[in-house]
C-alpha atoms as a PDB file:
ATOM      1  CA  MET A   1      -9.321   4.872   4.118  1.00  0.00           C
ATOM      2  CA  GLU A   2     -12.446   6.813   3.222  1.00  0.00           C
ATOM      3  CA  ASN A   3     -10.288   9.900   2.761  1.00  0.00           C
ATOM      4  CA  VAL A   4      -8.133   8.028   0.260  1.00  0.00           C
ATOM      5  CA  LYS A   5     -11.195   6.851  -1.675  1.00  0.00           C
ATOM      6  CA  SER A   6     -12.554  10.380  -1.672  1.00  0.00           C
ATOM      7  CA  LEU A   7      -9.234  11.781  -2.902  1.00  0.00           C
ATOM      8  CA  ILE A   8      -9.123   9.286  -5.764  1.00  0.00           C
ATOM      9  CA  GLU A   9     -12.753   9.917  -6.717  1.00  0.00           C
ATOM     10  CA  ASP A  10     -12.309  13.703  -6.653  1.00  0.00           C
ATOM     11  CA  THR A  11      -9.127  13.502  -8.723  1.00  0.00           C
ATOM     12  CA  VAL A  12     -10.699  11.251 -11.353  1.00  0.00           C
ATOM     13  CA  THR A  13     -13.776  13.480 -11.554  1.00  0.00           C
ATOM     14  CA  ALA A  14     -11.592  16.574 -11.973  1.00  0.00           C
ATOM     15  CA  LEU A  15      -9.575  14.908 -14.726  1.00  0.00           C
ATOM     16  CA  PHE A  16     -12.750  13.805 -16.508  1.00  0.00           C
ATOM     17  CA  SER A  17     -14.191  17.291 -16.449  1.00  0.00           C
ATOM     18  CA  HIS A  18     -10.890  18.944 -17.411  1.00  0.00           C
ATOM     19  CA  PHE A  19     -10.285  16.703 -20.399  1.00  0.00           C
ATOM     20  CA  ASN A  20     -13.974  16.608 -21.418  1.00  0.00           C
ATOM     21  CA  PHE A  21     -14.577  12.862 -21.217  1.00  0.00           C
ATOM     22  CA  GLY A  22     -17.370  12.995 -23.818  1.00  0.00           C
ATOM     23  CA  LYS A  23     -14.977  13.620 -26.691  1.00  0.00           C
ATOM     24  CA  SER A  24     -14.213  10.533 -28.745  1.00  0.00           C
ATOM     25  CA  ASN A  25     -10.458  11.130 -28.921  1.00  0.00           C
ATOM     26  CA  THR A  26     -10.092  11.359 -25.115  1.00  0.00           C
ATOM     27  CA  GLU A  27     -12.495   8.499 -24.393  1.00  0.00           C
ATOM     28  CA  LYS A  28      -9.842   5.909 -25.317  1.00  0.00           C
ATOM     29  CA  ILE A  29      -7.298   7.412 -22.943  1.00  0.00           C
ATOM     30  CA  MET A  30      -9.552   8.168 -19.987  1.00  0.00           C
ATOM     31  CA  GLN A  31     -10.303   4.485 -19.318  1.00  0.00           C
ATOM     32  CA  PHE A  32      -6.821   4.338 -17.809  1.00  0.00           C
ATOM     33  CA  CYS A  33      -7.395   7.365 -15.591  1.00  0.00           C
ATOM     34  CA  ARG A  34      -8.705   5.674 -12.422  1.00  0.00           C
ATOM     35  CA  PRO A  35      -6.069   2.880 -12.393  1.00  0.00           C
ATOM     36  CA  ALA A  36      -3.321   5.457 -12.943  1.00  0.00           C
ATOM     37  CA  VAL A  37      -4.582   7.705 -10.135  1.00  0.00           C
ATOM     38  CA  GLU A  38      -4.978   4.730  -7.766  1.00  0.00           C
ATOM     39  CA  LYS A  39      -1.487   3.467  -8.559  1.00  0.00           C
ATOM     40  CA  PHE A  40      -0.001   6.906  -7.967  1.00  0.00           C
ATOM     41  CA  VAL A  41      -1.802   7.480  -4.650  1.00  0.00           C
ATOM     42  CA  PHE A  42      -1.223   4.009  -3.227  1.00  0.00           C
ATOM     43  CA  SER A  43       2.437   3.974  -4.249  1.00  0.00           C
ATOM     44  CA  ARG A  44       2.887   7.142  -2.185  1.00  0.00           C
ATOM     45  CA  ILE A  45       1.107   5.876   0.946  1.00  0.00           C
ATOM     46  CA  HIS A  46       2.093   2.184   0.853  1.00  0.00           C
ATOM     47  CA  GLU A  47       4.871   2.435   3.435  1.00  0.00           C
ATOM     48  CA  THR A  48       2.662   4.306   5.902  1.00  0.00           C
ATOM     49  CA  LEU A  49      -0.266   1.913   5.472  1.00  0.00           C
ATOM     50  CA  PHE A  50       1.976  -1.131   5.789  1.00  0.00           C
ATOM     51  CA  GLY A  51       3.564   0.267   8.956  1.00  0.00           C
ATOM     52  CA  MET A  52       0.109   0.817  10.448  1.00  0.00           C
ATOM     53  CA  TYR A  53      -0.884  -2.741   9.501  1.00  0.00           C
ATOM     54  CA  GLU A  54       2.263  -4.174  11.092  1.00  0.00           C
ATOM     55  CA  GLU A  55       1.690  -2.246  14.309  1.00  0.00           C
ATOM     56  CA  LYS A  56      -1.960  -3.278  14.490  1.00  0.00           C
ATOM     57  CA  ASN A  57      -1.132  -6.975  14.013  1.00  0.00           C
ATOM     58  CA  ARG A  58       2.134  -7.138  15.956  1.00  0.00           C
ATOM     59  CA  GLU A  59       0.638  -9.140  18.847  1.00  0.00           C
ATOM     60  CA  THR A  60      -0.797 -11.771  16.489  1.00  0.00           C
ATOM     61  CA  ASP A  61       2.480 -12.005  14.577  1.00  0.00           C
ATOM     62  CA  ASP A  62       4.430 -12.420  17.812  1.00  0.00           C
ATOM     63  CA  GLY A  63       2.067 -15.243  18.831  1.00  0.00           C
ATOM     64  CA  PHE A  64       2.630 -17.044  15.530  1.00  0.00           C
ATOM     65  CA  SER A  65       6.398 -16.604  15.821  1.00  0.00           C
ATOM     66  CA  GLN A  66       6.367 -18.045  19.333  1.00  0.00           C
ATOM     67  CA  MET A  67       4.254 -20.994  18.218  1.00  0.00           C
ATOM     68  CA  GLN A  68       6.585 -21.606  15.274  1.00  0.00           C
ATOM     69  CA  LYS A  69       9.612 -21.693  17.600  1.00  0.00           C
ATOM     70  CA  GLU A  70       7.851 -24.176  19.865  1.00  0.00           C
ATOM     71  CA  LEU A  71       6.868 -26.435  16.972  1.00  0.00           C
ATOM     72  CA  LYS A  72      10.433 -26.478  15.605  1.00  0.00           C
ATOM     73  CA  THR A  73      11.755 -27.904  18.871  1.00  0.00           C
ATOM     74  CA  MET A  74       9.256 -30.800  19.001  1.00  0.00           C
ATOM     75  CA  PRO A  75      10.117 -34.298  17.854  1.00  0.00           C
ATOM     76  CA  SER A  76       8.423 -35.382  14.610  1.00  0.00           C
ATOM     77  CA  ALA A  77       5.851 -37.700  16.252  1.00  0.00           C
ATOM     78  CA  ALA A  78       4.776 -35.052  18.764  1.00  0.00           C
ATOM     79  CA  LEU A  79       4.649 -32.434  16.034  1.00  0.00           C
ATOM     80  CA  LEU A  80       2.374 -34.588  13.869  1.00  0.00           C
ATOM     81  CA  ALA A  81       0.127 -35.295  16.842  1.00  0.00           C
ATOM     82  CA  THR A  82      -0.055 -31.621  17.770  1.00  0.00           C
ATOM     83  CA  LEU A  83      -0.904 -30.622  14.206  1.00  0.00           C
ATOM     84  CA  GLU A  84      -3.439 -33.497  14.033  1.00  0.00           C
ATOM     85  CA  VAL A  85      -1.845 -34.979  10.929  1.00  0.00           C
END
């Protein structure tokens, strides 16, 4: 993740220096630079990051799915008692 932050920071800095951020006519446009760069980068790596997240949390998700299946088979009174409602 640090590499992504570094990439975004370097890109924004390069754009600022290339378009001379101090000029008044570019100052209005450059406020949108960082959000645009972040949106571009994260839209390109979203699938990979999400896949890594899913893999990392697969065991927890499987546990919740198993618990959900068990709770669906319980009678209402037992379910309410188990959930402490």
